[in-house]
Amino acid sequence: MLFGRSKQELVTAQDALPGRTERPFRIRPEHVVLGTPLEGPWPDGHEVITFAMGCFWGAERIFWQIPGVHVTAAGYQGGHTQHPTYEETCSARTGHTEAVLVVYDPSRVDVEVLLKAFWENHDPTTPNRQGNDVGTQYRSAIYPTTDSQLVAAEDSRSRYQQALKEAGFGEISTEIRPAAEAGPFYYAEDYHQGYLAKNPWGYCNHGFCQVAYDPAAHGQDAPTKVELPES
């Protein structure tokens, strides 16, 4: 409990930490693995989507390995506090979840590939936790930036829920809402960016979880091909 409130209870805007008007730290300009700019500008035709699936260290590594992904970044989104720090976010008093910004080229990678990586590599049925990581900052979420991404995310949730149900698992708790409603993506501190590239044996609680995401299942049409590279 924190000030009489559980860390699994989402803080209100009124009770959230106020934050600050500017980022209180600096981050290096390029991605440590991909070598692309962390904060843009993005190439023409590229799209942005944010995923939250527990600790952002392992989540970011999953996405930077996917061909067609231009850049990834660790950060905070979905809450109320402006330019939060990691410590503030972990206090459950910002309302943010640990998130991974993914910029990708849709001519090279279908959003279904990203959704497959998302659904299969965390447990979306445990609200405000992933394994031993407990708190609203570990909640599962997708924040699309386009209408087509939003439709794809919502459809994928329905398909994956059916797969989970057939396998005997529970209800998906993943929050899906437009990024414009979720609020700005705030970059995390520099040491969080590409963390598992800098610390290969660092903490990671991600991996195949429960059942496969099959976009062709339950009467749905499959995209051209959905495969993840071997790590």
C-alpha atoms as a PDB file:
ATOM      1  CA  MET A   1       0.000   0.000   0.000  1.00  0.00           C
ATOM      2  CA  LEU A   2       1.167   3.557  -0.741  1.00  0.00           C
ATOM      3  CA  PHE A   3      -0.468   6.440   1.133  1.00  0.00           C
ATOM      4  CA  GLY A   4      -3.464   4.149   1.667  1.00  0.00           C
ATOM      5  CA  ARG A   5      -3.598   3.159  -2.009  1.00  0.00           C
ATOM      6  CA  SER A   6      -2.484  -0.089  -3.627  1.00  0.00           C
ATOM      7  CA  LYS A   7       0.167   0.058  -6.355  1.00  0.00           C
ATOM      8  CA  GLN A   8      -2.317  -1.884  -8.481  1.00  0.00           C
ATOM      9  CA  GLU A   9      -4.849   0.942  -8.252  1.00  0.00           C
ATOM     10  CA  LEU A  10      -4.528   3.490 -11.051  1.00  0.00           C
ATOM     11  CA  VAL A  11      -3.916   6.973  -9.717  1.00  0.00           C
ATOM     12  CA  THR A  12      -6.291   9.783 -10.674  1.00  0.00           C
ATOM     13  CA  ALA A  13      -5.163  12.941 -12.431  1.00  0.00           C
ATOM     14  CA  GLN A  14      -5.935  14.893  -9.255  1.00  0.00           C
ATOM     15  CA  ASP A  15      -3.686  12.693  -7.102  1.00  0.00           C
ATOM     16  CA  ALA A  16      -0.875  12.158  -9.619  1.00  0.00           C
ATOM     17  CA  LEU A  17       2.534  13.754  -9.270  1.00  0.00           C
ATOM     18  CA  PRO A  18       2.699  17.049 -11.189  1.00  0.00           C
ATOM     19  CA  GLY A  19       5.987  16.385 -12.969  1.00  0.00           C
ATOM     20  CA  ARG A  20       7.815  19.160 -14.794  1.00  0.00           C
ATOM     21  CA  THR A  21       7.792  21.111 -18.034  1.00  0.00           C
ATOM     22  CA  GLU A  22      11.068  19.701 -19.382  1.00  0.00           C
ATOM     23  CA  ARG A  23      12.855  16.355 -19.392  1.00  0.00           C
ATOM     24  CA  PRO A  24      15.137  16.261 -16.327  1.00  0.00           C
ATOM     25  CA  PHE A  25      17.862  14.205 -18.026  1.00  0.00           C
ATOM     26  CA  ARG A  26      19.592  13.748 -21.368  1.00  0.00           C
ATOM     27  CA  ILE A  27      19.528  10.740 -23.672  1.00  0.00           C
ATOM     28  CA  ARG A  28      21.906   9.833 -26.464  1.00  0.00           C
ATOM     29  CA  PRO A  29      20.496  10.726 -29.911  1.00  0.00           C
ATOM     30  CA  GLU A  30      20.892   7.326 -31.616  1.00  0.00           C
ATOM     31  CA  HIS A  31      19.606   3.850 -30.859  1.00  0.00           C
ATOM     32  CA  VAL A  32      22.402   1.759 -29.360  1.00  0.00           C
ATOM     33  CA  VAL A  33      21.644  -1.208 -31.667  1.00  0.00           C
ATOM     34  CA  LEU A  34      19.924   0.175 -34.745  1.00  0.00           C
ATOM     35  CA  GLY A  35      21.902   3.410 -34.993  1.00  0.00           C
ATOM     36  CA  THR A  36      18.790   5.357 -35.976  1.00  0.00           C
ATOM     37  CA  PRO A  37      17.619   8.612 -34.314  1.00  0.00           C
ATOM     38  CA  LEU A  38      15.709   7.952 -31.103  1.00  0.00           C
ATOM     39  CA  GLU A  39      13.526  11.034 -31.469  1.00  0.00           C
ATOM     40  CA  GLY A  40      13.126  11.352 -35.219  1.00  0.00           C
ATOM     41  CA  PRO A  41      12.478  12.737 -37.627  1.00  0.00           C
ATOM     42  CA  TRP A  42      11.083   9.498 -39.031  1.00  0.00           C
ATOM     43  CA  PRO A  43      11.393   8.565 -42.719  1.00  0.00           C
ATOM     44  CA  ASP A  44       8.369   9.247 -44.909  1.00  0.00           C
ATOM     45  CA  GLY A  45       5.775   6.480 -44.791  1.00  0.00           C
ATOM     46  CA  HIS A  46       6.862   5.107 -41.425  1.00  0.00           C
ATOM     47  CA  GLU A  47       4.314   4.612 -38.651  1.00  0.00           C
ATOM     48  CA  VAL A  48       4.486   4.755 -34.857  1.00  0.00           C
ATOM     49  CA  ILE A  49       2.800   2.533 -32.286  1.00  0.00           C
ATOM     50  CA  THR A  50       3.443   2.016 -28.576  1.00  0.00           C
ATOM     51  CA  PHE A  51       3.294  -1.271 -26.676  1.00  0.00           C
ATOM     52  CA  ALA A  52       3.338  -1.854 -22.914  1.00  0.00           C
ATOM     53  CA  MET A  53       3.923  -5.400 -21.699  1.00  0.00           C
ATOM     54  CA  GLY A  54       5.683  -5.230 -18.356  1.00  0.00           C
ATOM     55  CA  CYS A  55       9.301  -4.193 -17.855  1.00  0.00           C
ATOM     56  CA  PHE A  56      10.395  -2.251 -20.915  1.00  0.00           C
ATOM     57  CA  TRP A  57      13.911  -3.716 -20.957  1.00  0.00           C
ATOM     58  CA  GLY A  58      12.917  -7.061 -22.431  1.00  0.00           C
ATOM     59  CA  ALA A  59      10.010  -5.659 -24.393  1.00  0.00           C
ATOM     60  CA  GLU A  60      12.214  -3.237 -26.301  1.00  0.00           C
ATOM     61  CA  ARG A  61      14.655  -5.996 -27.286  1.00  0.00           C
ATOM     62  CA  ILE A  62      11.838  -8.050 -28.788  1.00  0.00           C
ATOM     63  CA  PHE A  63      10.862  -5.262 -31.158  1.00  0.00           C
ATOM     64  CA  TRP A  64      14.300  -4.009 -32.217  1.00  0.00           C
ATOM     65  CA  GLN A  65      15.031  -7.503 -33.577  1.00  0.00           C
ATOM     66  CA  ILE A  66      12.123  -7.438 -36.025  1.00  0.00           C
ATOM     67  CA  PRO A  67      13.122  -6.585 -39.621  1.00  0.00           C
ATOM     68  CA  GLY A  68      11.346  -3.451 -40.793  1.00  0.00           C
ATOM     69  CA  VAL A  69      11.454  -1.778 -37.385  1.00  0.00           C
ATOM     70  CA  HIS A  70      13.257   1.547 -37.779  1.00  0.00           C
ATOM     71  CA  VAL A  71      13.784   2.402 -34.111  1.00  0.00           C
ATOM     72  CA  THR A  72      12.518   1.543 -30.643  1.00  0.00           C
ATOM     73  CA  ALA A  73      12.623   3.508 -27.399  1.00  0.00           C
ATOM     74  CA  ALA A  74      11.804   2.863 -23.756  1.00  0.00           C
ATOM     75  CA  GLY A  75       9.527   5.323 -22.038  1.00  0.00           C
ATOM     76  CA  TYR A  76       6.407   6.129 -20.097  1.00  0.00           C
ATOM     77  CA  GLN A  77       2.871   6.696 -21.411  1.00  0.00           C
ATOM     78  CA  GLY A  78      -0.776   6.491 -20.503  1.00  0.00           C
ATOM     79  CA  GLY A  79      -0.677   8.533 -17.309  1.00  0.00           C
ATOM     80  CA  HIS A  80      -0.805  12.102 -16.027  1.00  0.00           C
ATOM     81  CA  THR A  81       2.645  13.223 -14.847  1.00  0.00           C
ATOM     82  CA  GLN A  82       4.645  15.381 -17.257  1.00  0.00           C
ATOM     83  CA  HIS A  83       8.183  14.165 -17.983  1.00  0.00           C
ATOM     84  CA  PRO A  84       8.246  11.562 -15.215  1.00  0.00           C
ATOM     85  CA  THR A  85      11.327   9.813 -13.906  1.00  0.00           C
ATOM     86  CA  TYR A  86      11.708   6.073 -13.475  1.00  0.00           C
ATOM     87  CA  GLU A  87      11.479   6.367  -9.704  1.00  0.00           C
ATOM     88  CA  GLU A  88       8.283   8.395  -9.954  1.00  0.00           C
ATOM     89  CA  THR A  89       6.737   5.932 -12.376  1.00  0.00           C
ATOM     90  CA  CYS A  90       7.600   3.012 -10.092  1.00  0.00           C
ATOM     91  CA  SER A  91       5.814   4.773  -7.240  1.00  0.00           C
ATOM     92  CA  ALA A  92       2.508   4.233  -9.104  1.00  0.00           C
ATOM     93  CA  ARG A  93       1.794   7.939  -8.658  1.00  0.00           C
ATOM     94  CA  THR A  94       2.180   8.990 -12.308  1.00  0.00           C
ATOM     95  CA  GLY A  95      -0.422   6.747 -13.949  1.00  0.00           C
ATOM     96  CA  HIS A  96       2.071   5.821 -16.655  1.00  0.00           C
ATOM     97  CA  THR A  97       2.931   2.338 -17.834  1.00  0.00           C
ATOM     98  CA  GLU A  98       6.409   1.284 -18.938  1.00  0.00           C
ATOM     99  CA  ALA A  99       6.105   1.443 -22.712  1.00  0.00           C
ATOM    100  CA  VAL A 100       8.085   0.818 -25.893  1.00  0.00           C
ATOM    101  CA  LEU A 101       7.776   3.189 -28.822  1.00  0.00           C
ATOM    102  CA  VAL A 102       8.061   1.309 -32.133  1.00  0.00           C
ATOM    103  CA  VAL A 103       8.663   3.136 -35.411  1.00  0.00           C
ATOM    104  CA  TYR A 104       8.333   0.827 -38.389  1.00  0.00           C
ATOM    105  CA  ASP A 105       8.093   0.718 -42.152  1.00  0.00           C
ATOM    106  CA  PRO A 106       4.697  -0.824 -43.036  1.00  0.00           C
ATOM    107  CA  SER A 107       5.979  -1.692 -46.504  1.00  0.00           C
ATOM    108  CA  ARG A 108       8.484  -4.056 -44.858  1.00  0.00           C
ATOM    109  CA  VAL A 109       6.674  -5.308 -41.765  1.00  0.00           C
ATOM    110  CA  ASP A 110       2.946  -5.763 -41.239  1.00  0.00           C
ATOM    111  CA  VAL A 111       1.500  -4.490 -37.979  1.00  0.00           C
ATOM    112  CA  GLU A 112       0.328  -8.085 -37.420  1.00  0.00           C
ATOM    113  CA  VAL A 113       3.979  -9.081 -36.920  1.00  0.00           C
ATOM    114  CA  LEU A 114       4.259  -6.502 -34.150  1.00  0.00           C
ATOM    115  CA  LEU A 115       0.985  -7.641 -32.608  1.00  0.00           C
ATOM    116  CA  LYS A 116       2.145 -11.263 -32.677  1.00  0.00           C
ATOM    117  CA  ALA A 117       5.314 -10.266 -30.825  1.00  0.00           C
ATOM    118  CA  PHE A 118       3.224  -8.346 -28.304  1.00  0.00           C
ATOM    119  CA  TRP A 119       0.599 -10.983 -27.523  1.00  0.00           C
ATOM    120  CA  GLU A 120       2.914 -13.970 -27.410  1.00  0.00           C
ATOM    121  CA  ASN A 121       5.646 -12.513 -25.224  1.00  0.00           C
ATOM    122  CA  HIS A 122       3.755 -11.446 -22.113  1.00  0.00           C
ATOM    123  CA  ASP A 123       0.689 -12.411 -20.112  1.00  0.00           C
ATOM    124  CA  PRO A 124      -2.154 -10.026 -21.036  1.00  0.00           C
ATOM    125  CA  THR A 125      -4.530 -11.639 -18.530  1.00  0.00           C
ATOM    126  CA  THR A 126      -2.866 -10.322 -15.356  1.00  0.00           C
ATOM    127  CA  PRO A 127      -3.987  -6.739 -14.676  1.00  0.00           C
ATOM    128  CA  ASN A 128      -1.230  -4.411 -13.476  1.00  0.00           C
ATOM    129  CA  ARG A 129       1.416  -7.091 -13.213  1.00  0.00           C
ATOM    130  CA  GLN A 130       3.781  -9.346 -15.127  1.00  0.00           C
ATOM    131  CA  GLY A 131       5.035 -12.213 -13.017  1.00  0.00           C
ATOM    132  CA  ASN A 132       6.646 -10.807  -9.885  1.00  0.00           C
ATOM    133  CA  ASP A 133       6.549  -7.258 -11.278  1.00  0.00           C
ATOM    134  CA  VAL A 134       3.490  -5.701  -9.678  1.00  0.00           C
ATOM    135  CA  GLY A 135       2.036  -2.219 -10.156  1.00  0.00           C
ATOM    136  CA  THR A 136       0.120  -0.113 -12.634  1.00  0.00           C
ATOM    137  CA  GLN A 137       3.401   0.671 -14.420  1.00  0.00           C
ATOM    138  CA  TYR A 138       3.445  -2.970 -15.583  1.00  0.00           C
ATOM    139  CA  ARG A 139      -0.030  -3.014 -17.113  1.00  0.00           C
ATOM    140  CA  SER A 140      -0.532  -4.289 -20.637  1.00  0.00           C
ATOM    141  CA  ALA A 141      -1.443  -1.675 -23.246  1.00  0.00           C
ATOM    142  CA  ILE A 142      -1.395  -0.774 -26.935  1.00  0.00           C
ATOM    143  CA  TYR A 143      -1.502   2.869 -28.014  1.00  0.00           C
ATOM    144  CA  PRO A 144      -1.999   3.116 -31.796  1.00  0.00           C
ATOM    145  CA  THR A 145      -1.440   6.336 -33.722  1.00  0.00           C
ATOM    146  CA  THR A 146      -3.568   5.521 -36.785  1.00  0.00           C
ATOM    147  CA  ASP A 147      -7.124   4.321 -37.305  1.00  0.00           C
ATOM    148  CA  SER A 148      -5.925   1.220 -39.129  1.00  0.00           C
ATOM    149  CA  GLN A 149      -3.610   0.305 -36.259  1.00  0.00           C
ATOM    150  CA  LEU A 150      -6.472   0.726 -33.799  1.00  0.00           C
ATOM    151  CA  VAL A 151      -8.730  -1.570 -35.812  1.00  0.00           C
ATOM    152  CA  ALA A 152      -5.960  -4.156 -36.159  1.00  0.00           C
ATOM    153  CA  ALA A 153      -5.198  -4.035 -32.418  1.00  0.00           C
ATOM    154  CA  GLU A 154      -8.827  -4.435 -31.404  1.00  0.00           C
ATOM    155  CA  ASP A 155      -9.389  -7.261 -33.890  1.00  0.00           C
ATOM    156  CA  SER A 156      -6.236  -8.998 -32.702  1.00  0.00           C
ATOM    157  CA  ARG A 157      -7.422  -8.789 -29.096  1.00  0.00           C
ATOM    158  CA  SER A 158     -10.671 -10.521 -30.038  1.00  0.00           C
ATOM    159  CA  ARG A 159      -8.841 -13.286 -31.908  1.00  0.00           C
ATOM    160  CA  TYR A 160      -6.290 -13.822 -29.167  1.00  0.00           C
ATOM    161  CA  GLN A 161      -8.987 -13.848 -26.499  1.00  0.00           C
ATOM    162  CA  GLN A 162     -10.650 -16.694 -28.354  1.00  0.00           C
ATOM    163  CA  ALA A 163      -7.359 -18.588 -28.509  1.00  0.00           C
ATOM    164  CA  LEU A 164      -6.788 -18.044 -24.785  1.00  0.00           C
ATOM    165  CA  LYS A 165     -10.313 -19.161 -23.973  1.00  0.00           C
ATOM    166  CA  GLU A 166      -9.923 -22.348 -25.977  1.00  0.00           C
ATOM    167  CA  ALA A 167      -6.687 -23.078 -24.088  1.00  0.00           C
ATOM    168  CA  GLY A 168      -8.345 -22.500 -20.718  1.00  0.00           C
ATOM    169  CA  PHE A 169      -6.857 -19.100 -19.886  1.00  0.00           C
ATOM    170  CA  GLY A 170      -8.559 -15.980 -18.559  1.00  0.00           C
ATOM    171  CA  GLU A 171      -9.724 -12.623 -19.837  1.00  0.00           C
ATOM    172  CA  ILE A 172      -7.428 -10.136 -21.524  1.00  0.00           C
ATOM    173  CA  SER A 173      -6.956  -6.947 -19.504  1.00  0.00           C
ATOM    174  CA  THR A 174      -4.916  -5.080 -22.141  1.00  0.00           C
ATOM    175  CA  GLU A 175      -5.766  -1.399 -22.472  1.00  0.00           C
ATOM    176  CA  ILE A 176      -6.197  -0.343 -26.106  1.00  0.00           C
ATOM    177  CA  ARG A 177      -6.796   3.322 -26.871  1.00  0.00           C
ATOM    178  CA  PRO A 178      -5.483   5.883 -29.343  1.00  0.00           C
ATOM    179  CA  ALA A 179      -2.158   7.422 -28.432  1.00  0.00           C
ATOM    180  CA  ALA A 180      -3.793  10.838 -28.644  1.00  0.00           C
ATOM    181  CA  GLU A 181      -6.002   9.816 -25.703  1.00  0.00           C
ATOM    182  CA  ALA A 182      -3.228   8.050 -23.805  1.00  0.00           C
ATOM    183  CA  GLY A 183      -1.136  11.204 -23.867  1.00  0.00           C
ATOM    184  CA  PRO A 184       2.482  11.903 -24.798  1.00  0.00           C
ATOM    185  CA  PHE A 185       5.193   9.285 -24.868  1.00  0.00           C
ATOM    186  CA  TYR A 186       7.897  10.405 -22.450  1.00  0.00           C
ATOM    187  CA  TYR A 187      11.352   8.970 -23.085  1.00  0.00           C
ATOM    188  CA  ALA A 188      12.934   7.061 -20.212  1.00  0.00           C
ATOM    189  CA  GLU A 189      16.387   7.767 -18.839  1.00  0.00           C
ATOM    190  CA  ASP A 190      19.368   7.002 -21.059  1.00  0.00           C
ATOM    191  CA  TYR A 191      20.410   3.895 -19.138  1.00  0.00           C
ATOM    192  CA  HIS A 192      17.034   2.314 -19.951  1.00  0.00           C
ATOM    193  CA  GLN A 193      17.433   2.826 -23.709  1.00  0.00           C
ATOM    194  CA  GLY A 194      18.607  -0.419 -25.320  1.00  0.00           C
ATOM    195  CA  TYR A 195      19.232  -1.743 -21.821  1.00  0.00           C
ATOM    196  CA  LEU A 196      19.680  -5.398 -22.741  1.00  0.00           C
ATOM    197  CA  ALA A 197      22.143  -4.523 -25.503  1.00  0.00           C
ATOM    198  CA  LYS A 198      24.255  -2.716 -22.906  1.00  0.00           C
ATOM    199  CA  ASN A 199      23.620  -5.426 -20.287  1.00  0.00           C
ATOM    200  CA  PRO A 200      23.114  -8.728 -22.159  1.00  0.00           C
ATOM    201  CA  TRP A 201      22.605 -10.708 -18.958  1.00  0.00           C
ATOM    202  CA  GLY A 202      20.272  -8.132 -17.437  1.00  0.00           C
ATOM    203  CA  TYR A 203      16.793  -8.796 -16.098  1.00  0.00           C
ATOM    204  CA  CYS A 204      14.191  -9.928 -18.621  1.00  0.00           C
ATOM    205  CA  ASN A 205      10.883 -11.605 -17.841  1.00  0.00           C
ATOM    206  CA  HIS A 206       9.668 -11.873 -21.430  1.00  0.00           C
ATOM    207  CA  GLY A 207       9.286 -14.961 -23.569  1.00  0.00           C
ATOM    208  CA  PHE A 208       6.620 -17.128 -25.138  1.00  0.00           C
ATOM    209  CA  CYS A 209       3.628 -17.034 -22.843  1.00  0.00           C
ATOM    210  CA  GLN A 210       0.599 -19.333 -22.944  1.00  0.00           C
ATOM    211  CA  VAL A 211      -0.625 -19.743 -26.547  1.00  0.00           C
ATOM    212  CA  ALA A 212       0.377 -18.745 -30.067  1.00  0.00           C
ATOM    213  CA  TYR A 213      -1.168 -15.769 -31.795  1.00  0.00           C
ATOM    214  CA  ASP A 214      -2.498 -17.002 -35.124  1.00  0.00           C
ATOM    215  CA  PRO A 215      -4.123 -14.311 -37.267  1.00  0.00           C
ATOM    216  CA  ALA A 216      -5.564 -17.015 -39.529  1.00  0.00           C
ATOM    217  CA  ALA A 217      -7.462 -18.717 -36.719  1.00  0.00           C
ATOM    218  CA  HIS A 218     -11.187 -18.492 -36.016  1.00  0.00           C
ATOM    219  CA  GLY A 219     -12.178 -17.617 -39.562  1.00  0.00           C
ATOM    220  CA  GLN A 220      -9.821 -14.669 -39.920  1.00  0.00           C
ATOM    221  CA  ASP A 221      -7.734 -13.973 -42.991  1.00  0.00           C
ATOM    222  CA  ALA A 222      -3.987 -14.132 -42.468  1.00  0.00           C
ATOM    223  CA  PRO A 223      -1.587 -11.423 -43.566  1.00  0.00           C
ATOM    224  CA  THR A 224       1.098 -12.369 -46.056  1.00  0.00           C
ATOM    225  CA  LYS A 225       3.394 -13.879 -43.466  1.00  0.00           C
ATOM    226  CA  VAL A 226       3.823 -13.565 -39.709  1.00  0.00           C
ATOM    227  CA  GLU A 227       7.172 -14.776 -38.451  1.00  0.00           C
ATOM    228  CA  LEU A 228       9.581 -13.479 -35.837  1.00  0.00           C
ATOM    229  CA  PRO A 229      13.335 -13.777 -36.275  1.00  0.00           C
ATOM    230  CA  GLU A 230      15.214 -16.168 -34.043  1.00  0.00           C
ATOM    231  CA  SER A 231      16.936 -14.321 -31.225  1.00  0.00           C
END
